Amino acid sequence: MIKLNLRLPDDLYAKAKGLAAADDRSLNSWLVSLVRRAAEESERRSAPGA
């Protein structure tokens, strides 16, 4: 697993932390799920016949 430092503006951090808590997830887990979903959607859009 890779460690990544991510800098977020204070307001965006607060929003993301709140959304993660509302989803009963850690901020890290919530961000991983968003990146995974975005990557999968990108793969689907670029797949042949899509």
PDB file of N, CA and C in Angstrom:
ATOM      1  N   MET A   1       0.845  -1.164   0.000  1.00  0.00           N
ATOM      2  CA  MET A   1       0.000   0.000   0.000  1.00  0.00           C
ATOM      3  C   MET A   1       0.899   1.240   0.000  1.00  0.00           C
ATOM      4  N   ILE A   2       0.503   2.230  -0.762  1.00  0.00           N
ATOM      5  CA  ILE A   2       1.244   3.479  -0.891  1.00  0.00           C
ATOM      6  C   ILE A   2       0.677   4.509   0.074  1.00  0.00           C
ATOM      7  N   LYS A   3       1.565   5.245   0.722  1.00  0.00           N
ATOM      8  CA  LYS A   3       1.137   6.384   1.539  1.00  0.00           C
ATOM      9  C   LYS A   3       1.210   7.629   0.679  1.00  0.00           C
ATOM     10  N   LEU A   4       0.231   8.492   0.834  1.00  0.00           N
ATOM     11  CA  LEU A   4       0.142   9.709   0.037  1.00  0.00           C
ATOM     12  C   LEU A   4      -0.223  10.871   0.944  1.00  0.00           C
ATOM     13  N   ASN A   5       0.535  11.939   0.844  1.00  0.00           N
ATOM     14  CA  ASN A   5       0.172  13.167   1.557  1.00  0.00           C
ATOM     15  C   ASN A   5      -0.691  14.004   0.635  1.00  0.00           C
ATOM     16  N   LEU A   6      -1.824  14.423   1.129  1.00  0.00           N
ATOM     17  CA  LEU A   6      -2.763  15.204   0.337  1.00  0.00           C
ATOM     18  C   LEU A   6      -3.056  16.496   1.075  1.00  0.00           C
ATOM     19  N   ARG A   7      -2.869  17.600   0.404  1.00  0.00           N
ATOM     20  CA  ARG A   7      -3.177  18.893   1.004  1.00  0.00           C
ATOM     21  C   ARG A   7      -4.533  19.357   0.497  1.00  0.00           C
ATOM     22  N   LEU A   8      -5.410  19.670   1.435  1.00  0.00           N
ATOM     23  CA  LEU A   8      -6.745  20.155   1.096  1.00  0.00           C
ATOM     24  C   LEU A   8      -6.958  21.512   1.749  1.00  0.00           C
ATOM     25  N   PRO A   9      -7.689  22.389   1.086  1.00  0.00           N
ATOM     26  CA  PRO A   9      -8.089  23.631   1.759  1.00  0.00           C
ATOM     27  C   PRO A   9      -8.923  23.278   2.993  1.00  0.00           C
ATOM     28  N   ASP A  10      -8.845  24.120   4.004  1.00  0.00           N
ATOM     29  CA  ASP A  10      -9.547  23.845   5.261  1.00  0.00           C
ATOM     30  C   ASP A  10     -11.033  23.580   5.063  1.00  0.00           C
ATOM     31  N   ASP A  11     -11.678  24.363   4.211  1.00  0.00           N
ATOM     32  CA  ASP A  11     -13.119  24.191   4.014  1.00  0.00           C
ATOM     33  C   ASP A  11     -13.443  22.863   3.350  1.00  0.00           C
ATOM     34  N   LEU A  12     -12.632  22.449   2.395  1.00  0.00           N
ATOM     35  CA  LEU A  12     -12.871  21.177   1.713  1.00  0.00           C
ATOM     36  C   LEU A  12     -12.607  20.003   2.646  1.00  0.00           C
ATOM     37  N   TYR A  13     -11.581  20.132   3.474  1.00  0.00           N
ATOM     38  CA  TYR A  13     -11.290  19.095   4.466  1.00  0.00           C
ATOM     39  C   TYR A  13     -12.484  18.913   5.407  1.00  0.00           C
ATOM     40  N   ALA A  14     -13.027  20.006   5.884  1.00  0.00           N
ATOM     41  CA  ALA A  14     -14.162  19.934   6.804  1.00  0.00           C
ATOM     42  C   ALA A  14     -15.372  19.284   6.136  1.00  0.00           C
ATOM     43  N   LYS A  15     -15.643  19.649   4.895  1.00  0.00           N
ATOM     44  CA  LYS A  15     -16.772  19.048   4.169  1.00  0.00           C
ATOM     45  C   LYS A  15     -16.556  17.553   3.966  1.00  0.00           C
ATOM     46  N   ALA A  16     -15.342  17.182   3.527  1.00  0.00           N
ATOM     47  CA  ALA A  16     -15.040  15.768   3.280  1.00  0.00           C
ATOM     48  C   ALA A  16     -15.122  14.960   4.572  1.00  0.00           C
ATOM     49  N   LYS A  17     -14.596  15.508   5.652  1.00  0.00           N
ATOM     50  CA  LYS A  17     -14.640  14.813   6.935  1.00  0.00           C
ATOM     51  C   LYS A  17     -16.086  14.604   7.381  1.00  0.00           C
ATOM     52  N   GLY A  18     -16.923  15.620   7.185  1.00  0.00           N
ATOM     53  CA  GLY A  18     -18.335  15.496   7.536  1.00  0.00           C
ATOM     54  C   GLY A  18     -19.053  14.464   6.686  1.00  0.00           C
ATOM     55  N   LEU A  19     -18.774  14.452   5.407  1.00  0.00           N
ATOM     56  CA  LEU A  19     -19.406  13.476   4.513  1.00  0.00           C
ATOM     57  C   LEU A  19     -18.956  12.053   4.840  1.00  0.00           C
ATOM     58  N   ALA A  20     -17.693  11.893   5.174  1.00  0.00           N
ATOM     59  CA  ALA A  20     -17.191  10.571   5.561  1.00  0.00           C
ATOM     60  C   ALA A  20     -17.881  10.107   6.845  1.00  0.00           C
ATOM     61  N   ALA A  21     -18.001  10.998   7.813  1.00  0.00           N
ATOM     62  CA  ALA A  21     -18.659  10.645   9.076  1.00  0.00           C
ATOM     63  C   ALA A  21     -20.122  10.291   8.841  1.00  0.00           C
ATOM     64  N   ALA A  22     -20.788  11.020   7.962  1.00  0.00           N
ATOM     65  CA  ALA A  22     -22.193  10.732   7.651  1.00  0.00           C
ATOM     66  C   ALA A  22     -22.342   9.367   6.994  1.00  0.00           C
ATOM     67  N   ASP A  23     -21.293   8.922   6.299  1.00  0.00           N
ATOM     68  CA  ASP A  23     -21.273   7.612   5.650  1.00  0.00           C
ATOM     69  C   ASP A  23     -20.702   6.545   6.586  1.00  0.00           C
ATOM     70  N   ASP A  24     -20.435   6.930   7.850  1.00  0.00           N
ATOM     71  CA  ASP A  24     -19.878   6.036   8.873  1.00  0.00           C
ATOM     72  C   ASP A  24     -18.561   5.406   8.421  1.00  0.00           C
ATOM     73  N   ARG A  25     -17.688   6.257   7.831  1.00  0.00           N
ATOM     74  CA  ARG A  25     -16.392   5.792   7.349  1.00  0.00           C
ATOM     75  C   ARG A  25     -15.320   6.748   7.822  1.00  0.00           C
ATOM     76  N   SER A  26     -14.092   6.249   7.825  1.00  0.00           N
ATOM     77  CA  SER A  26     -12.969   7.148   8.074  1.00  0.00           C
ATOM     78  C   SER A  26     -12.792   8.017   6.830  1.00  0.00           C
ATOM     79  N   LEU A  27     -12.138   9.142   7.019  1.00  0.00           N
ATOM     80  CA  LEU A  27     -11.884  10.011   5.876  1.00  0.00           C
ATOM     81  C   LEU A  27     -11.053   9.275   4.833  1.00  0.00           C
ATOM     82  N   ASN A  28     -10.060   8.515   5.272  1.00  0.00           N
ATOM     83  CA  ASN A  28      -9.222   7.770   4.338  1.00  0.00           C
ATOM     84  C   ASN A  28     -10.052   6.772   3.526  1.00  0.00           C
ATOM     85  N   SER A  29     -10.876   5.999   4.208  1.00  0.00           N
ATOM     86  CA  SER A  29     -11.702   5.008   3.527  1.00  0.00           C
ATOM     87  C   SER A  29     -12.654   5.673   2.544  1.00  0.00           C
ATOM     88  N   TRP A  30     -13.222   6.793   2.943  1.00  0.00           N
ATOM     89  CA  TRP A  30     -14.144   7.522   2.079  1.00  0.00           C
ATOM     90  C   TRP A  30     -13.432   8.039   0.836  1.00  0.00           C
ATOM     91  N   LEU A  31     -12.240   8.607   1.008  1.00  0.00           N
ATOM     92  CA  LEU A  31     -11.477   9.106  -0.144  1.00  0.00           C
ATOM     93  C   LEU A  31     -11.063   7.968  -1.074  1.00  0.00           C
ATOM     94  N   VAL A  32     -10.648   6.836  -0.509  1.00  0.00           N
ATOM     95  CA  VAL A  32     -10.284   5.679  -1.337  1.00  0.00           C
ATOM     96  C   VAL A  32     -11.477   5.254  -2.184  1.00  0.00           C
ATOM     97  N   SER A  33     -12.670   5.219  -1.588  1.00  0.00           N
ATOM     98  CA  SER A  33     -13.852   4.795  -2.348  1.00  0.00           C
ATOM     99  C   SER A  33     -14.156   5.772  -3.479  1.00  0.00           C
ATOM    100  N   LEU A  34     -13.959   7.075  -3.254  1.00  0.00           N
ATOM    101  CA  LEU A  34     -14.201   8.054  -4.316  1.00  0.00           C
ATOM    102  C   LEU A  34     -13.208   7.904  -5.460  1.00  0.00           C
ATOM    103  N   VAL A  35     -11.936   7.723  -5.123  1.00  0.00           N
ATOM    104  CA  VAL A  35     -10.920   7.561  -6.164  1.00  0.00           C
ATOM    105  C   VAL A  35     -11.167   6.268  -6.938  1.00  0.00           C
ATOM    106  N   ARG A  36     -11.514   5.194  -6.221  1.00  0.00           N
ATOM    107  CA  ARG A  36     -11.790   3.910  -6.890  1.00  0.00           C
ATOM    108  C   ARG A  36     -12.963   4.046  -7.855  1.00  0.00           C
ATOM    109  N   ARG A  37     -14.040   4.693  -7.400  1.00  0.00           N
ATOM    110  CA  ARG A  37     -15.227   4.875  -8.242  1.00  0.00           C
ATOM    111  C   ARG A  37     -14.886   5.703  -9.483  1.00  0.00           C
ATOM    112  N   ALA A  38     -14.128   6.769  -9.302  1.00  0.00           N
ATOM    113  CA  ALA A  38     -13.742   7.619 -10.429  1.00  0.00           C
ATOM    114  C   ALA A  38     -12.886   6.841 -11.422  1.00  0.00           C
ATOM    115  N   ALA A  39     -11.967   6.024 -10.924  1.00  0.00           N
ATOM    116  CA  ALA A  39     -11.105   5.231 -11.811  1.00  0.00           C
ATOM    117  C   ALA A  39     -11.925   4.204 -12.586  1.00  0.00           C
ATOM    118  N   GLU A  40     -12.873   3.555 -11.914  1.00  0.00           N
ATOM    119  CA  GLU A  40     -13.715   2.561 -12.583  1.00  0.00           C
ATOM    120  C   GLU A  40     -14.605   3.211 -13.633  1.00  0.00           C
ATOM    121  N   GLU A  41     -15.159   4.379 -13.323  1.00  0.00           N
ATOM    122  CA  GLU A  41     -15.991   5.079 -14.303  1.00  0.00           C
ATOM    123  C   GLU A  41     -15.162   5.504 -15.506  1.00  0.00           C
ATOM    124  N   SER A  42     -13.945   5.948 -15.280  1.00  0.00           N
ATOM    125  CA  SER A  42     -13.065   6.341 -16.369  1.00  0.00           C
ATOM    126  C   SER A  42     -12.741   5.138 -17.252  1.00  0.00           C
ATOM    127  N   GLU A  43     -12.492   3.985 -16.630  1.00  0.00           N
ATOM    128  CA  GLU A  43     -12.207   2.769 -17.401  1.00  0.00           C
ATOM    129  C   GLU A  43     -13.420   2.382 -18.254  1.00  0.00           C
ATOM    130  N   ARG A  44     -14.613   2.476 -17.685  1.00  0.00           N
ATOM    131  CA  ARG A  44     -15.827   2.137 -18.450  1.00  0.00           C
ATOM    132  C   ARG A  44     -16.022   3.057 -19.634  1.00  0.00           C
ATOM    133  N   ARG A  45     -15.770   4.354 -19.432  1.00  0.00           N
ATOM    134  CA  ARG A  45     -15.946   5.322 -20.521  1.00  0.00           C
ATOM    135  C   ARG A  45     -14.932   5.096 -21.639  1.00  0.00           C
ATOM    136  N   SER A  46     -13.741   4.628 -21.282  1.00  0.00           N
ATOM    137  CA  SER A  46     -12.711   4.458 -22.303  1.00  0.00           C
ATOM    138  C   SER A  46     -12.680   3.037 -22.864  1.00  0.00           C
ATOM    139  N   ALA A  47     -13.557   2.160 -22.376  1.00  0.00           N
ATOM    140  CA  ALA A  47     -13.598   0.791 -22.876  1.00  0.00           C
ATOM    141  C   ALA A  47     -14.150   0.771 -24.302  1.00  0.00           C
ATOM    142  N   PRO A  48     -13.629  -0.121 -25.133  1.00  0.00           N
ATOM    143  CA  PRO A  48     -14.161  -0.235 -26.497  1.00  0.00           C
ATOM    144  C   PRO A  48     -15.651  -0.569 -26.466  1.00  0.00           C
ATOM    145  N   GLY A  49     -16.406   0.115 -27.297  1.00  0.00           N
ATOM    146  CA  GLY A  49     -17.845  -0.126 -27.381  1.00  0.00           C
ATOM    147  C   GLY A  49     -18.639   0.611 -26.323  1.00  0.00           C
ATOM    148  N   ALA A  50     -17.966   1.425 -25.546  1.00  0.00           N
ATOM    149  CA  ALA A  50     -18.685   2.150 -24.484  1.00  0.00           C
ATOM    150  C   ALA A  50     -19.358   3.378 -25.021  1.00  0.00           C
TER     151      ALA A  50
END
